Amino acid sequence: MRVNLYATYRDLTGSKHLELAGNTVGEVIERLLERHPQLGAELFAEPGRLSERVSVFRNGRDVRYLEGLDTPVAPDDVLDIFPPVAGG
């Protein structure tokens, strides 16, 4: 599946998007961390719990309102991962 990375996550990985496999959002993120372990501290507040400041969307829907890391994914889905955004 296609995983789109935004802002500082692009800088940390050197990629705008990646193709990763998995059956759930959590499995796809595990594959992402295998390639880019430096993202672990950015994405997770503690093991198994996404940081409140990180936004993860499957096909445009926030996974927090689906099944979180257990949200199922299909090969043709798109996962968007946004870092915290601040400004005014």
N, C-alpha and C. Protein backbone atom coordinates (compact mmCIF):
# COMPACT_ATOMS: atom_id res chain seq x y z
N MET A 1 0.84 -1.17 0.00
CA MET A 1 0.00 0.00 0.00
C MET A 1 0.88 1.24 0.00
N ARG A 2 0.32 2.32 -0.46
CA ARG A 2 1.07 3.57 -0.52
C ARG A 2 0.97 4.29 0.82
N VAL A 3 2.12 4.72 1.34
CA VAL A 3 2.18 5.49 2.57
C VAL A 3 2.78 6.85 2.22
N ASN A 4 2.01 7.91 2.42
CA ASN A 4 2.47 9.27 2.16
C ASN A 4 2.96 9.89 3.45
N LEU A 5 4.13 10.50 3.39
CA LEU A 5 4.73 11.15 4.55
C LEU A 5 4.77 12.65 4.30
N TYR A 6 4.57 13.44 5.33
CA TYR A 6 4.48 14.88 5.18
C TYR A 6 5.47 15.60 6.10
N ALA A 7 5.84 16.80 5.66
CA ALA A 7 6.66 17.75 6.42
C ALA A 7 7.93 17.10 6.99
N THR A 8 8.10 17.16 8.30
CA THR A 8 9.34 16.67 8.90
C THR A 8 9.55 15.18 8.69
N TYR A 9 8.47 14.42 8.50
CA TYR A 9 8.64 12.98 8.26
C TYR A 9 9.30 12.73 6.91
N ARG A 10 9.04 13.59 5.96
CA ARG A 10 9.74 13.50 4.67
C ARG A 10 11.22 13.76 4.87
N ASP A 11 11.52 14.76 5.68
CA ASP A 11 12.92 15.09 5.94
C ASP A 11 13.65 13.94 6.64
N LEU A 12 12.99 13.32 7.60
CA LEU A 12 13.61 12.23 8.37
C LEU A 12 13.84 10.97 7.54
N THR A 13 12.97 10.73 6.56
CA THR A 13 13.07 9.51 5.76
C THR A 13 13.69 9.73 4.40
N GLY A 14 13.68 10.98 3.93
CA GLY A 14 14.15 11.26 2.58
C GLY A 14 13.17 10.81 1.51
N SER A 15 11.91 10.56 1.90
CA SER A 15 10.90 10.05 0.97
C SER A 15 9.58 10.79 1.15
N LYS A 16 8.90 11.03 0.03
CA LYS A 16 7.54 11.57 0.07
C LYS A 16 6.53 10.46 0.27
N HIS A 17 6.83 9.31 -0.29
CA HIS A 17 5.94 8.16 -0.12
C HIS A 17 6.74 6.86 -0.25
N LEU A 18 6.15 5.81 0.32
CA LEU A 18 6.73 4.47 0.30
C LEU A 18 5.63 3.48 -0.03
N GLU A 19 6.03 2.34 -0.54
CA GLU A 19 5.10 1.22 -0.73
C GLU A 19 5.43 0.19 0.35
N LEU A 20 4.46 -0.07 1.23
CA LEU A 20 4.67 -0.99 2.34
C LEU A 20 3.51 -1.97 2.43
N ALA A 21 3.77 -3.14 2.96
CA ALA A 21 2.75 -4.18 3.09
C ALA A 21 2.30 -4.30 4.54
N GLY A 22 1.11 -4.84 4.72
CA GLY A 22 0.56 -5.10 6.04
C GLY A 22 -0.93 -5.31 5.95
N ASN A 23 -1.49 -5.93 6.97
CA ASN A 23 -2.94 -6.17 7.02
C ASN A 23 -3.68 -5.15 7.86
N THR A 24 -2.93 -4.42 8.70
CA THR A 24 -3.52 -3.39 9.55
C THR A 24 -2.63 -2.15 9.51
N VAL A 25 -3.16 -1.04 9.98
CA VAL A 25 -2.36 0.18 10.07
C VAL A 25 -1.12 -0.08 10.92
N GLY A 26 -1.28 -0.78 12.03
CA GLY A 26 -0.15 -1.08 12.91
C GLY A 26 0.95 -1.87 12.21
N GLU A 27 0.56 -2.85 11.40
CA GLU A 27 1.56 -3.65 10.68
C GLU A 27 2.29 -2.80 9.64
N VAL A 28 1.57 -1.93 8.97
CA VAL A 28 2.21 -1.05 7.99
C VAL A 28 3.20 -0.12 8.69
N ILE A 29 2.80 0.43 9.83
CA ILE A 29 3.70 1.31 10.58
C ILE A 29 4.91 0.52 11.08
N GLU A 30 4.73 -0.74 11.48
CA GLU A 30 5.88 -1.57 11.86
C GLU A 30 6.87 -1.68 10.71
N ARG A 31 6.39 -1.90 9.48
CA ARG A 31 7.26 -1.98 8.30
C ARG A 31 7.98 -0.65 8.08
N LEU A 32 7.26 0.45 8.30
CA LEU A 32 7.85 1.78 8.16
C LEU A 32 9.00 1.94 9.16
N LEU A 33 8.77 1.51 10.40
CA LEU A 33 9.80 1.65 11.44
C LEU A 33 10.98 0.71 11.22
N GLU A 34 10.75 -0.41 10.55
CA GLU A 34 11.87 -1.30 10.19
C GLU A 34 12.83 -0.58 9.26
N ARG A 35 12.29 0.21 8.34
CA ARG A 35 13.11 0.97 7.39
C ARG A 35 13.65 2.26 7.98
N HIS A 36 12.86 2.88 8.86
CA HIS A 36 13.20 4.19 9.41
C HIS A 36 12.93 4.21 10.92
N PRO A 37 13.77 3.52 11.69
CA PRO A 37 13.52 3.42 13.14
C PRO A 37 13.50 4.77 13.86
N GLN A 38 14.12 5.79 13.28
CA GLN A 38 14.14 7.11 13.91
C GLN A 38 12.74 7.71 14.03
N LEU A 39 11.77 7.19 13.28
CA LEU A 39 10.40 7.69 13.38
C LEU A 39 9.66 7.18 14.62
N GLY A 40 10.18 6.15 15.25
CA GLY A 40 9.50 5.57 16.41
C GLY A 40 9.18 6.59 17.48
N ALA A 41 10.16 7.40 17.86
CA ALA A 41 9.96 8.41 18.90
C ALA A 41 9.03 9.51 18.43
N GLU A 42 8.95 9.71 17.12
CA GLU A 42 8.07 10.74 16.56
C GLU A 42 6.61 10.29 16.54
N LEU A 43 6.38 9.00 16.28
CA LEU A 43 5.02 8.49 16.08
C LEU A 43 4.34 7.99 17.35
N PHE A 44 5.13 7.49 18.30
CA PHE A 44 4.54 6.83 19.46
C PHE A 44 4.84 7.55 20.77
N ALA A 45 3.79 7.71 21.59
CA ALA A 45 3.94 8.27 22.93
C ALA A 45 4.51 7.20 23.85
N GLU A 46 4.10 5.97 23.61
CA GLU A 46 4.60 4.79 24.32
C GLU A 46 4.37 3.61 23.39
N PRO A 47 5.01 2.49 23.64
CA PRO A 47 4.85 1.36 22.72
C PRO A 47 3.37 0.99 22.52
N GLY A 48 2.98 0.88 21.25
CA GLY A 48 1.62 0.47 20.94
C GLY A 48 0.57 1.57 21.00
N ARG A 49 0.98 2.82 21.29
CA ARG A 49 0.02 3.92 21.36
C ARG A 49 0.54 5.12 20.59
N LEU A 50 -0.16 5.45 19.50
CA LEU A 50 0.23 6.61 18.71
C LEU A 50 0.21 7.87 19.55
N SER A 51 1.15 8.74 19.29
CA SER A 51 1.16 10.04 19.94
C SER A 51 -0.12 10.80 19.58
N GLU A 52 -0.65 11.53 20.52
CA GLU A 52 -1.86 12.33 20.28
C GLU A 52 -1.61 13.39 19.21
N ARG A 53 -0.36 13.80 19.06
CA ARG A 53 -0.01 14.87 18.14
C ARG A 53 0.14 14.41 16.69
N VAL A 54 0.21 13.11 16.47
CA VAL A 54 0.40 12.56 15.13
C VAL A 54 -0.96 12.25 14.52
N SER A 55 -1.10 12.53 13.23
CA SER A 55 -2.35 12.20 12.53
C SER A 55 -2.08 11.13 11.48
N VAL A 56 -2.86 10.06 11.55
CA VAL A 56 -2.74 8.97 10.58
C VAL A 56 -4.13 8.77 9.95
N PHE A 57 -4.17 8.83 8.63
CA PHE A 57 -5.42 8.70 7.90
C PHE A 57 -5.34 7.53 6.93
N ARG A 58 -6.37 6.71 6.92
CA ARG A 58 -6.52 5.67 5.90
C ARG A 58 -7.60 6.14 4.94
N ASN A 59 -7.22 6.31 3.69
CA ASN A 59 -8.16 6.78 2.67
C ASN A 59 -8.93 8.02 3.12
N GLY A 60 -8.22 8.95 3.77
CA GLY A 60 -8.82 10.22 4.17
C GLY A 60 -9.57 10.20 5.48
N ARG A 61 -9.59 9.07 6.17
CA ARG A 61 -10.31 8.99 7.46
C ARG A 61 -9.33 8.74 8.59
N ASP A 62 -9.45 9.53 9.63
CA ASP A 62 -8.57 9.44 10.79
C ASP A 62 -8.74 8.07 11.44
N VAL A 63 -7.64 7.33 11.60
CA VAL A 63 -7.74 5.98 12.17
C VAL A 63 -8.18 5.99 13.62
N ARG A 64 -8.06 7.12 14.31
CA ARG A 64 -8.54 7.21 15.68
C ARG A 64 -10.05 6.95 15.75
N TYR A 65 -10.75 7.30 14.67
CA TYR A 65 -12.20 7.13 14.63
C TYR A 65 -12.59 5.84 13.93
N LEU A 66 -11.61 5.06 13.56
CA LEU A 66 -11.85 3.73 12.99
C LEU A 66 -11.48 2.73 14.07
N GLU A 67 -10.44 1.93 13.83
CA GLU A 67 -10.02 0.95 14.82
C GLU A 67 -8.58 1.18 15.27
N GLY A 68 -8.10 2.42 15.16
CA GLY A 68 -6.74 2.74 15.58
C GLY A 68 -5.72 1.93 14.81
N LEU A 69 -4.72 1.43 15.51
CA LEU A 69 -3.67 0.64 14.87
C LEU A 69 -4.20 -0.68 14.34
N ASP A 70 -5.36 -1.12 14.81
CA ASP A 70 -5.97 -2.37 14.34
C ASP A 70 -6.84 -2.17 13.10
N THR A 71 -6.90 -0.95 12.58
CA THR A 71 -7.69 -0.68 11.38
C THR A 71 -7.18 -1.52 10.22
N PRO A 72 -8.04 -2.32 9.61
CA PRO A 72 -7.60 -3.13 8.47
C PRO A 72 -7.25 -2.26 7.27
N VAL A 73 -6.29 -2.73 6.47
CA VAL A 73 -5.91 -2.04 5.24
C VAL A 73 -5.85 -3.05 4.10
N ALA A 74 -6.05 -2.53 2.90
CA ALA A 74 -5.97 -3.33 1.69
C ALA A 74 -4.82 -2.78 0.83
N PRO A 75 -4.29 -3.58 -0.09
CA PRO A 75 -3.16 -3.13 -0.91
C PRO A 75 -3.41 -1.84 -1.68
N ASP A 76 -4.66 -1.54 -2.03
CA ASP A 76 -4.93 -0.33 -2.80
C ASP A 76 -5.31 0.87 -1.92
N ASP A 77 -5.25 0.72 -0.59
CA ASP A 77 -5.51 1.83 0.32
C ASP A 77 -4.32 2.79 0.33
N VAL A 78 -4.57 4.00 0.83
CA VAL A 78 -3.53 5.01 1.00
C VAL A 78 -3.50 5.42 2.46
N LEU A 79 -2.31 5.42 3.04
CA LEU A 79 -2.12 5.85 4.43
C LEU A 79 -1.35 7.17 4.38
N ASP A 80 -1.90 8.20 5.04
CA ASP A 80 -1.24 9.50 5.14
C ASP A 80 -0.83 9.71 6.58
N ILE A 81 0.44 10.08 6.78
CA ILE A 81 0.96 10.27 8.14
C ILE A 81 1.49 11.70 8.24
N PHE A 82 0.85 12.48 9.13
CA PHE A 82 1.18 13.89 9.32
C PHE A 82 1.81 14.11 10.69
N PRO A 83 2.88 14.90 10.75
CA PRO A 83 3.47 15.26 12.04
C PRO A 83 2.61 16.34 12.71
N PRO A 84 2.92 16.67 13.95
CA PRO A 84 2.18 17.75 14.62
C PRO A 84 2.31 19.04 13.81
N VAL A 85 1.24 19.80 13.78
CA VAL A 85 1.24 21.07 13.07
C VAL A 85 0.95 22.18 14.06
N ALA A 86 1.74 23.24 13.99
CA ALA A 86 1.55 24.38 14.88
C ALA A 86 1.67 25.65 14.05
N GLY A 87 1.16 26.66 14.57
CA GLY A 87 1.27 27.94 13.87
C GLY A 87 0.14 28.86 14.28
N GLY A 88 0.11 29.97 13.64
CA GLY A 88 -0.94 30.89 14.02
C GLY A 88 -1.15 31.96 13.00
